């Protein structure tokens, strides 16, 4: 069995003043405050969400 690939996503910029859809996407990734991080499964859906708000998050 192979392990599932994961991504660590960190919110590095405030969502204040951004589009509502981008704020919703950040919440959908499970991020609340600046510097909050989540370890997420590497799926096409998560990749798309990260691409949409790439200017707000950092991926490790």
PDB file of N, CA and C in Angstrom:
ATOM      1  N   UNK A   1       0.835  -1.187   0.000  1.00  0.00           N
ATOM      2  CA  UNK A   1       0.000   0.000   0.000  1.00  0.00           C
ATOM      3  C   UNK A   1       0.872   1.240   0.000  1.00  0.00           C
ATOM      4  N   UNK A   2       0.533   2.179  -0.851  1.00  0.00           N
ATOM      5  CA  UNK A   2       1.295   3.424  -0.895  1.00  0.00           C
ATOM      6  C   UNK A   2       0.633   4.458   0.004  1.00  0.00           C
ATOM      7  N   UNK A   3       1.470   5.296   0.609  1.00  0.00           N
ATOM      8  CA  UNK A   3       0.935   6.355   1.459  1.00  0.00           C
ATOM      9  C   UNK A   3       0.315   7.438   0.594  1.00  0.00           C
ATOM     10  N   UNK A   4      -0.700   8.096   1.132  1.00  0.00           N
ATOM     11  CA  UNK A   4      -1.336   9.182   0.398  1.00  0.00           C
ATOM     12  C   UNK A   4      -0.445  10.411   0.446  1.00  0.00           C
ATOM     13  N   UNK A   5      -0.339  11.097  -0.691  1.00  0.00           N
ATOM     14  CA  UNK A   5       0.461  12.315  -0.766  1.00  0.00           C
ATOM     15  C   UNK A   5      -0.280  13.434  -0.047  1.00  0.00           C
ATOM     16  N   UNK A   6       0.478  14.279   0.644  1.00  0.00           N
ATOM     17  CA  UNK A   6      -0.141  15.388   1.370  1.00  0.00           C
ATOM     18  C   UNK A   6       0.559  16.703   1.040  1.00  0.00           C
ATOM     19  N   UNK A   7      -0.156  17.793   1.280  1.00  0.00           N
ATOM     20  CA  UNK A   7       0.373  19.141   1.109  1.00  0.00           C
ATOM     21  C   UNK A   7       0.132  19.896   2.406  1.00  0.00           C
ATOM     22  N   UNK A   8       1.094  20.707   2.821  1.00  0.00           N
ATOM     23  CA  UNK A   8       0.905  21.582   3.970  1.00  0.00           C
ATOM     24  C   UNK A   8       0.648  22.979   3.439  1.00  0.00           C
ATOM     25  N   UNK A   9      -0.537  23.509   3.749  1.00  0.00           N
ATOM     26  CA  UNK A   9      -0.953  24.817   3.246  1.00  0.00           C
ATOM     27  C   UNK A   9      -1.011  25.788   4.415  1.00  0.00           C
ATOM     28  N   UNK A  10      -0.383  26.955   4.274  1.00  0.00           N
ATOM     29  CA  UNK A  10      -0.345  27.980   5.313  1.00  0.00           C
ATOM     30  C   UNK A  10      -0.894  29.285   4.762  1.00  0.00           C
ATOM     31  N   UNK A  11      -1.786  29.920   5.511  1.00  0.00           N
ATOM     32  CA  UNK A  11      -2.315  31.226   5.128  1.00  0.00           C
ATOM     33  C   UNK A  11      -1.296  32.280   5.523  1.00  0.00           C
ATOM     34  N   UNK A  12      -0.739  33.004   4.536  1.00  0.00           N
ATOM     35  CA  UNK A  12       0.324  33.970   4.829  1.00  0.00           C
ATOM     36  C   UNK A  12      -0.114  35.416   4.612  1.00  0.00           C
ATOM     37  N   UNK A  13      -1.302  35.629   4.062  1.00  0.00           N
ATOM     38  CA  UNK A  13      -1.775  36.976   3.802  1.00  0.00           C
ATOM     39  C   UNK A  13      -3.237  37.067   4.220  1.00  0.00           C
ATOM     40  N   UNK A  14      -3.648  38.232   4.687  1.00  0.00           N
ATOM     41  CA  UNK A  14      -5.015  38.430   5.159  1.00  0.00           C
ATOM     42  C   UNK A  14      -6.016  38.324   4.016  1.00  0.00           C
ATOM     43  N   UNK A  15      -7.207  37.815   4.339  1.00  0.00           N
ATOM     44  CA  UNK A  15      -8.269  37.723   3.339  1.00  0.00           C
ATOM     45  C   UNK A  15      -9.098  39.004   3.284  1.00  0.00           C
ATOM     46  N   UNK A  16      -8.801  39.962   4.152  1.00  0.00           N
ATOM     47  CA  UNK A  16      -9.534  41.233   4.151  1.00  0.00           C
ATOM     48  C   UNK A  16      -9.337  41.936   2.810  1.00  0.00           C
ATOM     49  N   UNK A  17     -10.419  42.390   2.228  1.00  0.00           N
ATOM     50  CA  UNK A  17     -10.355  43.108   0.966  1.00  0.00           C
ATOM     51  C   UNK A  17     -10.290  42.224  -0.258  1.00  0.00           C
ATOM     52  N   UNK A  18     -10.400  40.907  -0.075  1.00  0.00           N
ATOM     53  CA  UNK A  18     -10.384  39.996  -1.220  1.00  0.00           C
ATOM     54  C   UNK A  18     -11.809  39.645  -1.623  1.00  0.00           C
ATOM     55  N   UNK A  19     -11.954  38.996  -2.765  1.00  0.00           N
ATOM     56  CA  UNK A  19     -13.275  38.590  -3.235  1.00  0.00           C
ATOM     57  C   UNK A  19     -13.894  37.580  -2.278  1.00  0.00           C
ATOM     58  N   UNK A  20     -15.209  37.612  -2.185  1.00  0.00           N
ATOM     59  CA  UNK A  20     -15.923  36.691  -1.295  1.00  0.00           C
ATOM     60  C   UNK A  20     -15.648  35.234  -1.681  1.00  0.00           C
ATOM     61  N   UNK A  21     -15.577  34.950  -2.973  1.00  0.00           N
ATOM     62  CA  UNK A  21     -15.321  33.564  -3.398  1.00  0.00           C
ATOM     63  C   UNK A  21     -13.942  33.104  -2.935  1.00  0.00           C
ATOM     64  N   UNK A  22     -12.965  34.010  -2.905  1.00  0.00           N
ATOM     65  CA  UNK A  22     -11.629  33.648  -2.441  1.00  0.00           C
ATOM     66  C   UNK A  22     -11.632  33.427  -0.933  1.00  0.00           C
ATOM     67  N   UNK A  23     -12.390  34.241  -0.199  1.00  0.00           N
ATOM     68  CA  UNK A  23     -12.514  34.037   1.253  1.00  0.00           C
ATOM     69  C   UNK A  23     -13.159  32.686   1.539  1.00  0.00           C
ATOM     70  N   UNK A  24     -14.175  32.341   0.762  1.00  0.00           N
ATOM     71  CA  UNK A  24     -14.853  31.053   0.937  1.00  0.00           C
ATOM     72  C   UNK A  24     -13.900  29.897   0.633  1.00  0.00           C
ATOM     73  N   UNK A  25     -13.053  30.074  -0.367  1.00  0.00           N
ATOM     74  CA  UNK A  25     -12.099  29.029  -0.731  1.00  0.00           C
ATOM     75  C   UNK A  25     -11.077  28.816   0.385  1.00  0.00           C
ATOM     76  N   UNK A  26     -10.604  29.915   0.983  1.00  0.00           N
ATOM     77  CA  UNK A  26      -9.652  29.808   2.094  1.00  0.00           C
ATOM     78  C   UNK A  26     -10.299  29.046   3.256  1.00  0.00           C
ATOM     79  N   UNK A  27     -11.561  29.352   3.549  1.00  0.00           N
ATOM     80  CA  UNK A  27     -12.273  28.631   4.618  1.00  0.00           C
ATOM     81  C   UNK A  27     -12.456  27.157   4.242  1.00  0.00           C
ATOM     82  N   UNK A  28     -12.700  26.922   2.955  1.00  0.00           N
ATOM     83  CA  UNK A  28     -12.853  25.549   2.478  1.00  0.00           C
ATOM     84  C   UNK A  28     -11.582  24.736   2.645  1.00  0.00           C
ATOM     85  N   UNK A  29     -10.454  25.399   2.600  1.00  0.00           N
ATOM     86  CA  UNK A  29      -9.168  24.729   2.840  1.00  0.00           C
ATOM     87  C   UNK A  29      -8.924  24.508   4.332  1.00  0.00           C
ATOM     88  N   UNK A  30      -9.794  25.071   5.170  1.00  0.00           N
ATOM     89  CA  UNK A  30      -9.670  24.882   6.616  1.00  0.00           C
ATOM     90  C   UNK A  30      -8.771  25.895   7.283  1.00  0.00           C
ATOM     91  N   UNK A  31      -8.533  27.019   6.623  1.00  0.00           N
ATOM     92  CA  UNK A  31      -7.649  28.047   7.184  1.00  0.00           C
ATOM     93  C   UNK A  31      -8.487  29.183   7.745  1.00  0.00           C
ATOM     94  N   UNK A  32      -8.112  29.671   8.933  1.00  0.00           N
ATOM     95  CA  UNK A  32      -8.856  30.736   9.581  1.00  0.00           C
ATOM     96  C   UNK A  32      -8.016  31.986   9.750  1.00  0.00           C
ATOM     97  N   UNK A  33      -6.972  31.888  10.542  1.00  0.00           N
ATOM     98  CA  UNK A  33      -6.144  33.049  10.856  1.00  0.00           C
ATOM     99  C   UNK A  33      -4.838  33.004  10.070  1.00  0.00           C
ATOM    100  N   UNK A  34      -4.177  34.158   9.973  1.00  0.00           N
ATOM    101  CA  UNK A  34      -2.874  34.210   9.322  1.00  0.00           C
ATOM    102  C   UNK A  34      -1.916  33.284  10.071  1.00  0.00           C
ATOM    103  N   UNK A  35      -1.087  32.583   9.321  1.00  0.00           N
ATOM    104  CA  UNK A  35      -0.118  31.593   9.806  1.00  0.00           C
ATOM    105  C   UNK A  35      -0.760  30.299  10.278  1.00  0.00           C
ATOM    106  N   UNK A  36      -2.073  30.125  10.074  1.00  0.00           N
ATOM    107  CA  UNK A  36      -2.680  28.832  10.377  1.00  0.00           C
ATOM    108  C   UNK A  36      -2.329  27.878   9.238  1.00  0.00           C
ATOM    109  N   UNK A  37      -2.117  26.612   9.572  1.00  0.00           N
ATOM    110  CA  UNK A  37      -1.711  25.611   8.585  1.00  0.00           C
ATOM    111  C   UNK A  37      -2.624  24.408   8.648  1.00  0.00           C
ATOM    112  N   UNK A  38      -2.719  23.714   7.531  1.00  0.00           N
ATOM    113  CA  UNK A  38      -3.465  22.468   7.454  1.00  0.00           C
ATOM    114  C   UNK A  38      -2.672  21.505   6.584  1.00  0.00           C
ATOM    115  N   UNK A  39      -2.710  20.233   6.935  1.00  0.00           N
ATOM    116  CA  UNK A  39      -2.135  19.196   6.093  1.00  0.00           C
ATOM    117  C   UNK A  39      -3.301  18.582   5.334  1.00  0.00           C
ATOM    118  N   UNK A  40      -3.266  18.713   4.007  1.00  0.00           N
ATOM    119  CA  UNK A  40      -4.373  18.277   3.166  1.00  0.00           C
ATOM    120  C   UNK A  40      -3.910  17.211   2.182  1.00  0.00           C
ATOM    121  N   UNK A  41      -4.833  16.347   1.789  1.00  0.00           N
ATOM    122  CA  UNK A  41      -4.536  15.330   0.798  1.00  0.00           C
ATOM    123  C   UNK A  41      -4.324  15.996  -0.563  1.00  0.00           C
ATOM    124  N   UNK A  42      -3.372  15.494  -1.324  1.00  0.00           N
ATOM    125  CA  UNK A  42      -3.049  16.066  -2.631  1.00  0.00           C
ATOM    126  C   UNK A  42      -4.015  15.525  -3.681  1.00  0.00           C
ATOM    127  N   UNK A  43      -5.125  16.233  -3.874  1.00  0.00           N
ATOM    128  CA  UNK A  43      -6.124  15.838  -4.865  1.00  0.00           C
ATOM    129  C   UNK A  43      -6.292  16.967  -5.876  1.00  0.00           C
ATOM    130  N   UNK A  44      -6.847  16.679  -7.044  1.00  0.00           N
ATOM    131  CA  UNK A  44      -7.079  17.746  -8.025  1.00  0.00           C
ATOM    132  C   UNK A  44      -7.968  18.866  -7.475  1.00  0.00           C
ATOM    133  N   UNK A  45      -8.960  18.539  -6.654  1.00  0.00           N
ATOM    134  CA  UNK A  45      -9.849  19.558  -6.084  1.00  0.00           C
ATOM    135  C   UNK A  45      -9.075  20.496  -5.162  1.00  0.00           C
ATOM    136  N   UNK A  46      -8.232  19.945  -4.304  1.00  0.00           N
ATOM    137  CA  UNK A  46      -7.437  20.763  -3.385  1.00  0.00           C
ATOM    138  C   UNK A  46      -6.433  21.601  -4.177  1.00  0.00           C
ATOM    139  N   UNK A  47      -5.830  21.003  -5.203  1.00  0.00           N
ATOM    140  CA  UNK A  47      -4.885  21.753  -6.045  1.00  0.00           C
ATOM    141  C   UNK A  47      -5.571  22.952  -6.689  1.00  0.00           C
ATOM    142  N   UNK A  48      -6.795  22.762  -7.172  1.00  0.00           N
ATOM    143  CA  UNK A  48      -7.540  23.849  -7.791  1.00  0.00           C
ATOM    144  C   UNK A  48      -7.836  24.964  -6.813  1.00  0.00           C
ATOM    145  N   UNK A  49      -8.201  24.590  -5.585  1.00  0.00           N
ATOM    146  CA  UNK A  49      -8.478  25.591  -4.552  1.00  0.00           C
ATOM    147  C   UNK A  49      -7.216  26.383  -4.230  1.00  0.00           C
ATOM    148  N   UNK A  50      -6.084  25.684  -4.133  1.00  0.00           N
ATOM    149  CA  UNK A  50      -4.814  26.348  -3.835  1.00  0.00           C
ATOM    150  C   UNK A  50      -4.434  27.297  -4.975  1.00  0.00           C
ATOM    151  N   UNK A  51      -4.632  26.865  -6.218  1.00  0.00           N
ATOM    152  CA  UNK A  51      -4.314  27.727  -7.367  1.00  0.00           C
ATOM    153  C   UNK A  51      -5.162  28.983  -7.359  1.00  0.00           C
ATOM    154  N   UNK A  52      -6.411  28.866  -6.942  1.00  0.00           N
ATOM    155  CA  UNK A  52      -7.325  30.009  -6.937  1.00  0.00           C
ATOM    156  C   UNK A  52      -6.864  31.090  -5.953  1.00  0.00           C
ATOM    157  N   UNK A  53      -6.340  30.679  -4.812  1.00  0.00           N
ATOM    158  CA  UNK A  53      -5.921  31.643  -3.785  1.00  0.00           C
ATOM    159  C   UNK A  53      -4.408  31.590  -3.553  1.00  0.00           C
ATOM    160  N   UNK A  54      -3.662  31.315  -4.607  1.00  0.00           N
ATOM    161  CA  UNK A  54      -2.212  31.130  -4.482  1.00  0.00           C
ATOM    162  C   UNK A  54      -1.506  32.368  -3.942  1.00  0.00           C
ATOM    163  N   UNK A  55      -2.104  33.547  -4.143  1.00  0.00           N
ATOM    164  CA  UNK A  55      -1.493  34.794  -3.657  1.00  0.00           C
ATOM    165  C   UNK A  55      -1.701  34.993  -2.157  1.00  0.00           C
ATOM    166  N   UNK A  56      -2.506  34.131  -1.524  1.00  0.00           N
ATOM    167  CA  UNK A  56      -2.766  34.228  -0.084  1.00  0.00           C
ATOM    168  C   UNK A  56      -2.085  33.135   0.713  1.00  0.00           C
ATOM    169  N   UNK A  57      -1.693  32.044   0.066  1.00  0.00           N
ATOM    170  CA  UNK A  57      -1.195  30.882   0.790  1.00  0.00           C
ATOM    171  C   UNK A  57       0.208  30.489   0.329  1.00  0.00           C
ATOM    172  N   UNK A  58       0.849  29.703   1.206  1.00  0.00           N
ATOM    173  CA  UNK A  58       2.156  29.114   0.905  1.00  0.00           C
ATOM    174  C   UNK A  58       1.996  27.613   1.040  1.00  0.00           C
ATOM    175  N   UNK A  59       2.569  26.865   0.112  1.00  0.00           N
ATOM    176  CA  UNK A  59       2.441  25.410   0.122  1.00  0.00           C
ATOM    177  C   UNK A  59       3.810  24.784   0.335  1.00  0.00           C
ATOM    178  N   UNK A  60       3.881  23.840   1.278  1.00  0.00           N
ATOM    179  CA  UNK A  60       5.136  23.118   1.539  1.00  0.00           C
ATOM    180  C   UNK A  60       4.963  21.671   1.170  1.00  0.00           C
TER     181      UNK A  60
END
